[in-house]
PDB file of N, CA and C in Angstrom:
ATOM      1  N   MET A   1       0.782  -1.432  -0.253  1.00  0.00           N
ATOM      2  CA  MET A   1       0.084   0.032  -0.132  1.00  0.00           C
ATOM      3  C   MET A   1       0.823   1.171   0.142  1.00  0.00           C
ATOM      4  N   ASN A   2       0.657   2.267  -1.052  1.00  0.00           N
ATOM      5  CA  ASN A   2       1.312   3.407  -1.039  1.00  0.00           C
ATOM      6  C   ASN A   2       0.609   4.635  -0.394  1.00  0.00           C
ATOM      7  N   GLN A   3       1.348   5.184   0.323  1.00  0.00           N
ATOM      8  CA  GLN A   3       0.665   6.265   1.366  1.00  0.00           C
ATOM      9  C   GLN A   3       1.542   7.865   1.359  1.00  0.00           C
ATOM     10  N   LYS A   4       1.301   8.659   1.224  1.00  0.00           N
ATOM     11  CA  LYS A   4       1.757   9.917   1.519  1.00  0.00           C
ATOM     12  C   LYS A   4       1.089  10.883   2.262  1.00  0.00           C
ATOM     13  N   ALA A   5       1.919  11.570   2.780  1.00  0.00           N
ATOM     14  CA  ALA A   5       0.772  12.690   3.568  1.00  0.00           C
ATOM     15  C   ALA A   5       1.772  14.258   3.913  1.00  0.00           C
ATOM     16  N   GLN A   6       0.876  14.604   4.308  1.00  0.00           N
ATOM     17  CA  GLN A   6       1.280  16.346   4.248  1.00  0.00           C
ATOM     18  C   GLN A   6       0.136  17.004   5.000  1.00  0.00           C
ATOM     19  N   GLY A   7       0.925  17.469   6.477  1.00  0.00           N
ATOM     20  CA  GLY A   7       0.082  17.942   7.289  1.00  0.00           C
ATOM     21  C   GLY A   7      -0.874  17.167   7.650  1.00  0.00           C
ATOM     22  N   ASP A   8      -2.108  17.597   7.583  1.00  0.00           N
ATOM     23  CA  ASP A   8      -3.393  16.706   8.358  1.00  0.00           C
ATOM     24  C   ASP A   8      -3.791  15.799   6.719  1.00  0.00           C
ATOM     25  N   VAL A   9      -3.606  15.986   5.805  1.00  0.00           N
ATOM     26  CA  VAL A   9      -4.174  15.257   4.932  1.00  0.00           C
ATOM     27  C   VAL A   9      -3.244  14.038   4.332  1.00  0.00           C
ATOM     28  N   LEU A  10      -3.872  12.450   4.214  1.00  0.00           N
ATOM     29  CA  LEU A  10      -3.137  11.585   3.759  1.00  0.00           C
ATOM     30  C   LEU A  10      -4.127  11.011   2.574  1.00  0.00           C
ATOM     31  N   LEU A  11      -3.145  10.573   1.819  1.00  0.00           N
ATOM     32  CA  LEU A  11      -3.641   9.946   0.600  1.00  0.00           C
ATOM     33  C   LEU A  11      -2.906   8.431   0.427  1.00  0.00           C
ATOM     34  N   THR A  12      -4.007   7.373   0.068  1.00  0.00           N
ATOM     35  CA  THR A  12      -3.730   6.010   0.342  1.00  0.00           C
ATOM     36  C   THR A  12      -3.795   5.367  -1.200  1.00  0.00           C
ATOM     37  N   GLU A  13      -2.924   5.352  -1.748  1.00  0.00           N
ATOM     38  CA  GLU A  13      -3.355   4.694  -3.089  1.00  0.00           C
ATOM     39  C   GLU A  13      -4.182   3.323  -3.187  1.00  0.00           C
ATOM     40  N   VAL A  14      -5.569   3.498  -4.015  1.00  0.00           N
ATOM     41  CA  VAL A  14      -6.350   2.340  -4.197  1.00  0.00           C
ATOM     42  C   VAL A  14      -6.474   2.051  -5.715  1.00  0.00           C
ATOM     43  N   PHE A  15      -6.983   0.659  -5.797  1.00  0.00           N
ATOM     44  CA  PHE A  15      -7.193  -0.006  -6.962  1.00  0.00           C
ATOM     45  C   PHE A  15      -7.886   1.044  -8.144  1.00  0.00           C
ATOM     46  N   GLU A  16      -9.176   1.521  -7.509  1.00  0.00           N
ATOM     47  CA  GLU A  16     -10.313   2.195  -8.463  1.00  0.00           C
ATOM     48  C   GLU A  16     -11.030   3.104  -7.448  1.00  0.00           C
ATOM     49  N   LEU A  17     -11.520   3.842  -8.372  1.00  0.00           N
ATOM     50  CA  LEU A  17     -12.519   4.683  -8.099  1.00  0.00           C
ATOM     51  C   LEU A  17     -13.892   4.113  -7.182  1.00  0.00           C
ATOM     52  N   PRO A  18     -14.639   4.455  -6.321  1.00  0.00           N
ATOM     53  CA  PRO A  18     -15.722   4.141  -5.819  1.00  0.00           C
ATOM     54  C   PRO A  18     -16.997   4.093  -7.075  1.00  0.00           C
ATOM     55  N   GLU A  19     -17.799   3.452  -7.006  1.00  0.00           N
ATOM     56  CA  GLU A  19     -19.090   3.718  -7.997  1.00  0.00           C
ATOM     57  C   GLU A  19     -19.714   4.913  -7.457  1.00  0.00           C
ATOM     58  N   GLY A  20     -20.215   5.559  -7.957  1.00  0.00           N
ATOM     59  CA  GLY A  20     -20.575   6.862  -8.088  1.00  0.00           C
ATOM     60  C   GLY A  20     -20.215   8.237  -7.532  1.00  0.00           C
ATOM     61  N   ALA A  21     -18.767   7.718  -7.685  1.00  0.00           N
ATOM     62  CA  ALA A  21     -17.871   8.979  -7.414  1.00  0.00           C
ATOM     63  C   ALA A  21     -18.051  10.146  -8.535  1.00  0.00           C
ATOM     64  N   GLN A  22     -17.969  11.326  -8.262  1.00  0.00           N
ATOM     65  CA  GLN A  22     -18.458  12.711  -9.326  1.00  0.00           C
ATOM     66  C   GLN A  22     -17.394  13.394  -9.142  1.00  0.00           C
ATOM     67  N   LYS A  23     -16.795  13.582 -10.233  1.00  0.00           N
ATOM     68  CA  LYS A  23     -15.624  14.549 -10.670  1.00  0.00           C
ATOM     69  C   LYS A  23     -16.045  16.068  -9.895  1.00  0.00           C
ATOM     70  N   ILE A  24     -15.347  16.790  -9.742  1.00  0.00           N
ATOM     71  CA  ILE A  24     -15.802  18.086  -9.075  1.00  0.00           C
ATOM     72  C   ILE A  24     -14.475  19.217  -9.561  1.00  0.00           C
ATOM     73  N   SER A  25     -14.978  20.245  -9.357  1.00  0.00           N
ATOM     74  CA  SER A  25     -14.148  21.332 -10.361  1.00  0.00           C
ATOM     75  C   SER A  25     -12.858  21.908  -9.599  1.00  0.00           C
ATOM     76  N   THR A  26     -12.496  21.655  -8.604  1.00  0.00           N
ATOM     77  CA  THR A  26     -11.188  21.920  -7.739  1.00  0.00           C
ATOM     78  C   THR A  26     -10.029  21.021  -7.925  1.00  0.00           C
ATOM     79  N   LEU A  27      -8.622  21.362  -7.424  1.00  0.00           N
ATOM     80  CA  LEU A  27      -7.837  20.549  -7.185  1.00  0.00           C
ATOM     81  C   LEU A  27      -7.450  20.776  -5.591  1.00  0.00           C
ATOM     82  N   THR A  28      -8.225  21.397  -4.664  1.00  0.00           N
ATOM     83  CA  THR A  28      -7.763  21.789  -3.302  1.00  0.00           C
ATOM     84  C   THR A  28      -8.585  20.651  -2.666  1.00  0.00           C
ATOM     85  N   LEU A  29      -7.812  20.048  -1.892  1.00  0.00           N
ATOM     86  CA  LEU A  29      -8.059  18.923  -0.987  1.00  0.00           C
ATOM     87  C   LEU A  29      -8.566  19.629   0.273  1.00  0.00           C
ATOM     88  N   ALA A  30      -7.884  20.534   0.691  1.00  0.00           N
ATOM     89  CA  ALA A  30      -8.360  20.717   2.194  1.00  0.00           C
ATOM     90  C   ALA A  30      -7.763  22.229   2.477  1.00  0.00           C
ATOM     91  N   TYR A  31      -8.670  23.228   3.012  1.00  0.00           N
ATOM     92  CA  TYR A  31      -8.665  24.509   3.673  1.00  0.00           C
ATOM     93  C   TYR A  31      -7.953  24.456   4.924  1.00  0.00           C
ATOM     94  N   GLY A  32      -7.012  25.338   5.459  1.00  0.00           N
ATOM     95  CA  GLY A  32      -6.913  25.601   6.529  1.00  0.00           C
ATOM     96  C   GLY A  32      -7.595  26.832   7.201  1.00  0.00           C
ATOM     97  N   GLU A  33      -8.550  26.458   7.978  1.00  0.00           N
ATOM     98  CA  GLU A  33      -9.551  27.527   8.546  1.00  0.00           C
ATOM     99  C   GLU A  33      -8.981  28.441   9.023  1.00  0.00           C
ATOM    100  N   ALA A  34      -7.862  28.268  10.066  1.00  0.00           N
ATOM    101  CA  ALA A  34      -7.373  29.240  10.767  1.00  0.00           C
ATOM    102  C   ALA A  34      -6.270  30.160  10.041  1.00  0.00           C
ATOM    103  N   THR A  35      -5.498  29.573   8.922  1.00  0.00           N
ATOM    104  CA  THR A  35      -4.402  30.207   8.442  1.00  0.00           C
ATOM    105  C   THR A  35      -4.748  30.942   6.833  1.00  0.00           C
ATOM    106  N   GLY A  36      -5.823  29.985   6.542  1.00  0.00           N
ATOM    107  CA  GLY A  36      -5.981  30.514   4.796  1.00  0.00           C
ATOM    108  C   GLY A  36      -5.320  29.383   3.973  1.00  0.00           C
ATOM    109  N   HIS A  37      -4.124  28.636   4.605  1.00  0.00           N
ATOM    110  CA  HIS A  37      -3.568  27.847   3.890  1.00  0.00           C
ATOM    111  C   HIS A  37      -4.464  26.899   3.356  1.00  0.00           C
ATOM    112  N   HIS A  38      -3.386  26.073   2.076  1.00  0.00           N
ATOM    113  CA  HIS A  38      -4.347  25.206   1.312  1.00  0.00           C
ATOM    114  C   HIS A  38      -3.801  23.975   1.016  1.00  0.00           C
ATOM    115  N   HIS A  39      -3.873  22.826   0.820  1.00  0.00           N
ATOM    116  CA  HIS A  39      -3.547  21.650   0.373  1.00  0.00           C
ATOM    117  C   HIS A  39      -4.091  21.474  -1.060  1.00  0.00           C
ATOM    118  N   THR A  40      -3.244  21.838  -1.907  1.00  0.00           N
ATOM    119  CA  THR A  40      -3.710  22.105  -3.609  1.00  0.00           C
ATOM    120  C   THR A  40      -2.816  20.950  -4.779  1.00  0.00           C
ATOM    121  N   LEU A  41      -3.295  20.451  -5.453  1.00  0.00           N
ATOM    122  CA  LEU A  41      -2.616  19.675  -6.506  1.00  0.00           C
ATOM    123  C   LEU A  41      -2.204  20.285  -7.515  1.00  0.00           C
ATOM    124  N   THR A  42      -1.255  20.141  -8.172  1.00  0.00           N
ATOM    125  CA  THR A  42      -0.895  20.756  -9.421  1.00  0.00           C
ATOM    126  C   THR A  42      -1.386  20.671 -10.617  1.00  0.00           C
ATOM    127  N   CYS A  43      -2.319  19.308 -10.740  1.00  0.00           N
ATOM    128  CA  CYS A  43      -2.947  18.597 -11.704  1.00  0.00           C
ATOM    129  C   CYS A  43      -3.346  17.291 -11.445  1.00  0.00           C
ATOM    130  N   GLY A  44      -4.340  16.568 -12.240  1.00  0.00           N
ATOM    131  CA  GLY A  44      -5.272  15.695 -11.739  1.00  0.00           C
ATOM    132  C   GLY A  44      -6.709  16.230 -11.723  1.00  0.00           C
ATOM    133  N   ASP A  45      -7.348  15.289 -11.120  1.00  0.00           N
ATOM    134  CA  ASP A  45      -8.683  15.398 -11.045  1.00  0.00           C
ATOM    135  C   ASP A  45      -9.269  14.864  -9.760  1.00  0.00           C
ATOM    136  N   VAL A  46     -10.153  15.485  -9.053  1.00  0.00           N
ATOM    137  CA  VAL A  46     -10.614  15.360  -7.778  1.00  0.00           C
ATOM    138  C   VAL A  46     -12.086  14.851  -7.823  1.00  0.00           C
ATOM    139  N   TYR A  47     -12.385  13.859  -7.269  1.00  0.00           N
ATOM    140  CA  TYR A  47     -13.799  13.101  -7.231  1.00  0.00           C
ATOM    141  C   TYR A  47     -14.366  12.701  -5.627  1.00  0.00           C
ATOM    142  N   THR A  48     -15.527  13.058  -5.738  1.00  0.00           N
ATOM    143  CA  THR A  48     -16.211  12.712  -4.211  1.00  0.00           C
ATOM    144  C   THR A  48     -17.386  11.917  -4.332  1.00  0.00           C
ATOM    145  N   LEU A  49     -17.993  11.584  -3.117  1.00  0.00           N
ATOM    146  CA  LEU A  49     -19.208  11.091  -3.137  1.00  0.00           C
ATOM    147  C   LEU A  49     -19.876  11.885  -2.438  1.00  0.00           C
ATOM    148  N   PRO A  50     -21.445  11.717  -1.944  1.00  0.00           N
ATOM    149  CA  PRO A  50     -22.163  12.882  -1.535  1.00  0.00           C
ATOM    150  C   PRO A  50     -21.666  12.780   0.138  1.00  0.00           C
ATOM    151  N   ASP A  51     -21.205  11.789   0.933  1.00  0.00           N
ATOM    152  CA  ASP A  51     -20.932  11.983   1.920  1.00  0.00           C
ATOM    153  C   ASP A  51     -19.594  12.732   2.314  1.00  0.00           C
ATOM    154  N   GLY A  52     -18.787  13.536   1.183  1.00  0.00           N
ATOM    155  CA  GLY A  52     -17.833  14.106   1.400  1.00  0.00           C
ATOM    156  C   GLY A  52     -16.346  13.312   1.077  1.00  0.00           C
ATOM    157  N   THR A  53     -16.605  12.051   1.274  1.00  0.00           N
ATOM    158  CA  THR A  53     -15.192  11.589   1.005  1.00  0.00           C
ATOM    159  C   THR A  53     -14.492  11.588  -0.337  1.00  0.00           C
ATOM    160  N   MET A  54     -13.200  11.854  -0.594  1.00  0.00           N
ATOM    161  CA  MET A  54     -12.816  12.288  -1.622  1.00  0.00           C
ATOM    162  C   MET A  54     -11.666  11.443  -2.118  1.00  0.00           C
ATOM    163  N   TRP A  55     -11.100  11.470  -3.448  1.00  0.00           N
ATOM    164  CA  TRP A  55     -10.324  10.648  -4.196  1.00  0.00           C
ATOM    165  C   TRP A  55      -9.679  11.330  -5.413  1.00  0.00           C
ATOM    166  N   VAL A  56      -8.544  11.063  -5.744  1.00  0.00           N
ATOM    167  CA  VAL A  56      -7.662  11.908  -6.504  1.00  0.00           C
ATOM    168  C   VAL A  56      -7.039  11.084  -7.552  1.00  0.00           C
ATOM    169  N   VAL A  57      -7.214  11.462  -9.080  1.00  0.00           N
ATOM    170  CA  VAL A  57      -6.738  10.381 -10.173  1.00  0.00           C
ATOM    171  C   VAL A  57      -5.557  11.258 -10.462  1.00  0.00           C
ATOM    172  N   VAL A  58      -4.566  10.677 -10.422  1.00  0.00           N
ATOM    173  CA  VAL A  58      -3.178  11.624 -10.557  1.00  0.00           C
ATOM    174  C   VAL A  58      -2.725  11.100 -12.174  1.00  0.00           C
ATOM    175  N   PRO A  59      -2.236  11.760 -13.129  1.00  0.00           N
ATOM    176  CA  PRO A  59      -2.397  11.381 -14.683  1.00  0.00           C
ATOM    177  C   PRO A  59      -0.892  10.692 -14.263  1.00  0.00           C
ATOM    178  N   GLU A  60      -0.468  10.198 -15.819  1.00  0.00           N
ATOM    179  CA  GLU A  60       0.567   9.625 -16.022  1.00  0.00           C
ATOM    180  C   GLU A  60       1.777  10.326 -15.452  1.00  0.00           C
ATOM    181  N   ASP A  61       1.990  11.672 -15.797  1.00  0.00           N
ATOM    182  CA  ASP A  61       2.887  12.003 -15.602  1.00  0.00           C
ATOM    183  C   ASP A  61       3.245  12.534 -14.043  1.00  0.00           C
ATOM    184  N   GLY A  62       2.317  12.423 -13.248  1.00  0.00           N
ATOM    185  CA  GLY A  62       2.563  12.460 -11.623  1.00  0.00           C
ATOM    186  C   GLY A  62       1.928  14.109 -11.642  1.00  0.00           C
ATOM    187  N   ALA A  63       1.870  14.098 -10.362  1.00  0.00           N
ATOM    188  CA  ALA A  63       1.482  15.724  -9.829  1.00  0.00           C
ATOM    189  C   ALA A  63       2.072  15.905  -8.318  1.00  0.00           C
ATOM    190  N   GLU A  64       1.760  17.114  -8.053  1.00  0.00           N
ATOM    191  CA  GLU A  64       2.831  17.635  -6.617  1.00  0.00           C
ATOM    192  C   GLU A  64       1.455  17.807  -5.927  1.00  0.00           C
ATOM    193  N   LEU A  65       1.467  17.604  -4.613  1.00  0.00           N
ATOM    194  CA  LEU A  65       0.879  18.307  -3.636  1.00  0.00           C
ATOM    195  C   LEU A  65       1.101  19.849  -3.114  1.00  0.00           C
ATOM    196  N   ASP A  66       0.580  20.470  -3.056  1.00  0.00           N
ATOM    197  CA  ASP A  66       1.465  21.728  -2.416  1.00  0.00           C
ATOM    198  C   ASP A  66       0.676  22.413  -1.769  1.00  0.00           C
ATOM    199  N   HIS A  67       1.598  23.396  -0.504  1.00  0.00           N
ATOM    200  CA  HIS A  67       0.878  23.932   0.521  1.00  0.00           C
ATOM    201  C   HIS A  67       1.710  24.811   1.126  1.00  0.00           C
ATOM    202  N   GLN A  68       1.563  26.095   1.650  1.00  0.00           N
ATOM    203  CA  GLN A  68       2.483  27.195   2.039  1.00  0.00           C
ATOM    204  C   GLN A  68       3.299  26.869   2.918  1.00  0.00           C
ATOM    205  N   THR A  69       2.996  25.974   3.877  1.00  0.00           N
ATOM    206  CA  THR A  69       4.123  25.859   4.666  1.00  0.00           C
ATOM    207  C   THR A  69       4.542  24.173   4.990  1.00  0.00           C
ATOM    208  N   HIS A  70       4.035  23.545   4.094  1.00  0.00           N
ATOM    209  CA  HIS A  70       4.867  21.852   4.071  1.00  0.00           C
ATOM    210  C   HIS A  70       5.847  21.701   2.840  1.00  0.00           C
ATOM    211  N   ALA A  71       6.337  20.760   2.981  1.00  0.00           N
ATOM    212  CA  ALA A  71       7.172  20.789   1.747  1.00  0.00           C
ATOM    213  C   ALA A  71       6.133  19.953   0.747  1.00  0.00           C
ATOM    214  N   PRO A  72       6.621  20.205  -0.572  1.00  0.00           N
ATOM    215  CA  PRO A  72       5.625  19.543  -1.451  1.00  0.00           C
ATOM    216  C   PRO A  72       5.697  18.085  -1.436  1.00  0.00           C
ATOM    217  N   VAL A  73       4.693  17.417  -1.853  1.00  0.00           N
ATOM    218  CA  VAL A  73       4.601  15.793  -1.731  1.00  0.00           C
ATOM    219  C   VAL A  73       4.506  15.260  -3.159  1.00  0.00           C
ATOM    220  N   TRP A  74       5.375  14.569  -3.902  1.00  0.00           N
ATOM    221  CA  TRP A  74       5.291  13.965  -5.002  1.00  0.00           C
ATOM    222  C   TRP A  74       4.416  12.920  -5.147  1.00  0.00           C
ATOM    223  N   LEU A  75       3.234  12.759  -5.874  1.00  0.00           N
ATOM    224  CA  LEU A  75       2.773  11.683  -6.262  1.00  0.00           C
ATOM    225  C   LEU A  75       2.479  11.044  -7.512  1.00  0.00           C
ATOM    226  N   ASN A  76       2.807   9.904  -7.599  1.00  0.00           N
ATOM    227  CA  ASN A  76       3.241   8.858  -8.930  1.00  0.00           C
ATOM    228  C   ASN A  76       1.489   8.854  -9.486  1.00  0.00           C
ATOM    229  N   PRO A  77       1.690   8.528 -10.721  1.00  0.00           N
ATOM    230  CA  PRO A  77       0.437   8.377 -11.355  1.00  0.00           C
ATOM    231  C   PRO A  77      -0.486   7.186 -10.522  1.00  0.00           C
ATOM    232  N   GLY A  78      -2.012   7.396 -10.468  1.00  0.00           N
ATOM    233  CA  GLY A  78      -2.687   6.299  -9.744  1.00  0.00           C
ATOM    234  C   GLY A  78      -4.053   7.067  -8.987  1.00  0.00           C
ATOM    235  N   ILE A  79      -4.413   6.389  -8.423  1.00  0.00           N
ATOM    236  CA  ILE A  79      -5.940   6.842  -7.852  1.00  0.00           C
ATOM    237  C   ILE A  79      -5.681   6.584  -6.183  1.00  0.00           C
ATOM    238  N   TYR A  80      -5.866   7.403  -5.543  1.00  0.00           N
ATOM    239  CA  TYR A  80      -5.791   7.794  -4.052  1.00  0.00           C
ATOM    240  C   TYR A  80      -6.675   8.004  -3.433  1.00  0.00           C
ATOM    241  N   GLN A  81      -7.190   7.493  -2.432  1.00  0.00           N
ATOM    242  CA  GLN A  81      -8.244   7.957  -1.237  1.00  0.00           C
ATOM    243  C   GLN A  81      -7.766   9.192  -0.621  1.00  0.00           C
ATOM    244  N   VAL A  82      -8.533  10.331  -0.113  1.00  0.00           N
ATOM    245  CA  VAL A  82      -7.857  11.198   0.461  1.00  0.00           C
ATOM    246  C   VAL A  82      -8.683  11.143   2.074  1.00  0.00           C
ATOM    247  N   ASP A  83      -7.741  11.191   3.191  1.00  0.00           N
ATOM    248  CA  ASP A  83      -8.216  11.233   4.356  1.00  0.00           C
ATOM    249  C   ASP A  83      -8.151  12.430   5.119  1.00  0.00           C
ATOM    250  N   LEU A  84      -8.553  13.203   5.696  1.00  0.00           N
ATOM    251  CA  LEU A  84      -8.127  14.276   6.547  1.00  0.00           C
ATOM    252  C   LEU A  84      -8.525  13.823   8.096  1.00  0.00           C
ATOM    253  N   GLN A  85      -7.400  14.068   8.732  1.00  0.00           N
ATOM    254  CA  GLN A  85      -6.901  13.881   9.817  1.00  0.00           C
ATOM    255  C   GLN A  85      -8.334  14.282  10.898  1.00  0.00           C
ATOM    256  N   ILE A  86      -8.720  13.307  11.963  1.00  0.00           N
ATOM    257  CA  ILE A  86      -9.624  13.724  12.869  1.00  0.00           C
ATOM    258  C   ILE A  86      -9.192  13.814  14.165  1.00  0.00           C
ATOM    259  N   GLU A  87     -10.013  14.823  15.189  1.00  0.00           N
ATOM    260  CA  GLU A  87      -9.347  14.570  16.770  1.00  0.00           C
ATOM    261  C   GLU A  87     -10.681  14.346  17.359  1.00  0.00           C
ATOM    262  N   VAL A  88     -10.658  13.782  18.515  1.00  0.00           N
ATOM    263  CA  VAL A  88     -11.776  13.456  19.193  1.00  0.00           C
ATOM    264  C   VAL A  88     -11.638  14.153  20.505  1.00  0.00           C
ATOM    265  N   ASP A  89     -12.623  14.589  21.055  1.00  0.00           N
ATOM    266  CA  ASP A  89     -12.667  15.590  22.367  1.00  0.00           C
ATOM    267  C   ASP A  89     -12.769  14.601  23.492  1.00  0.00           C
ATOM    268  N   PRO A  90     -11.713  14.540  24.271  1.00  0.00           N
ATOM    269  CA  PRO A  90     -11.895  13.465  25.484  1.00  0.00           C
ATOM    270  C   PRO A  90     -13.196  13.719  26.715  1.00  0.00           C
ATOM    271  N   PHE A  91     -13.624  15.153  26.417  1.00  0.00           N
ATOM    272  CA  PHE A  91     -14.628  15.181  27.628  1.00  0.00           C
ATOM    273  C   PHE A  91     -16.201  14.918  26.751  1.00  0.00           C
ATOM    274  N   THR A  92     -16.111  15.313  25.413  1.00  0.00           N
ATOM    275  CA  THR A  92     -17.190  15.227  24.732  1.00  0.00           C
ATOM    276  C   THR A  92     -17.730  13.925  24.101  1.00  0.00           C
ATOM    277  N   GLY A  93     -16.428  13.440  23.307  1.00  0.00           N
ATOM    278  CA  GLY A  93     -16.276  12.208  22.503  1.00  0.00           C
ATOM    279  C   GLY A  93     -16.816  12.654  21.302  1.00  0.00           C
ATOM    280  N   LEU A  94     -17.046  14.263  20.886  1.00  0.00           N
ATOM    281  CA  LEU A  94     -17.315  14.678  19.551  1.00  0.00           C
ATOM    282  C   LEU A  94     -15.957  14.735  19.011  1.00  0.00           C
ATOM    283  N   GLU A  95     -16.022  14.209  17.444  1.00  0.00           N
ATOM    284  CA  GLU A  95     -15.151  14.339  16.510  1.00  0.00           C
ATOM    285  C   GLU A  95     -14.990  15.585  15.502  1.00  0.00           C
ATOM    286  N   ARG A  96     -13.728  15.999  15.373  1.00  0.00           N
ATOM    287  CA  ARG A  96     -13.580  17.183  14.636  1.00  0.00           C
ATOM    288  C   ARG A  96     -12.545  17.213  13.651  1.00  0.00           C
ATOM    289  N   ARG A  97     -12.465  17.757  12.577  1.00  0.00           N
ATOM    290  CA  ARG A  97     -11.357  17.899  11.627  1.00  0.00           C
ATOM    291  C   ARG A  97     -10.051  18.564  12.455  1.00  0.00           C
ATOM    292  N   VAL A  98      -9.025  18.260  12.151  1.00  0.00           N
ATOM    293  CA  VAL A  98      -7.897  19.090  12.433  1.00  0.00           C
ATOM    294  C   VAL A  98      -7.949  20.169  12.149  1.00  0.00           C
ATOM    295  N   VAL A  99      -7.836  21.406  12.467  1.00  0.00           N
ATOM    296  CA  VAL A  99      -7.362  22.555  11.507  1.00  0.00           C
ATOM    297  C   VAL A  99      -6.157  22.587  11.287  1.00  0.00           C
ATOM    298  N   ASP A 100      -5.670  23.271  10.181  1.00  0.00           N
ATOM    299  CA  ASP A 100      -4.274  23.110   9.988  1.00  0.00           C
ATOM    300  C   ASP A 100      -3.442  24.526  10.164  1.00  0.00           C
TER     301      ASP A 100
END
C-alpha cells in the first residue's frame, strides 16, 4: 500500500474509484480554516461522494501536492483516497477535523 501525507492530509493509493464518485471542479483537497493555507494539487482530477469522501486521480506524468508551509509531496500516477485527520474531544467524545 502506497501512502503519502502532508500535514493533516493522508493519501492512500487504491485500485479504483468507488461507484458513484463524481468529478468536482477543484484541485484543492483541504483548506486551513485558521490560516487560509490550502493543500492543492498541481494537476489531476478530484472525485467525491455525497458523504464528502474524496479521491484523487493522478495523471501518468504524476502531480505534486502543494501547501504554503509544508514541503511539496510528489504523487506517482494512480488513484488515491483522501483522508483528513480528525481528533476526538476526550470530554465530549465529539469528532472534529484537525485545523491546519
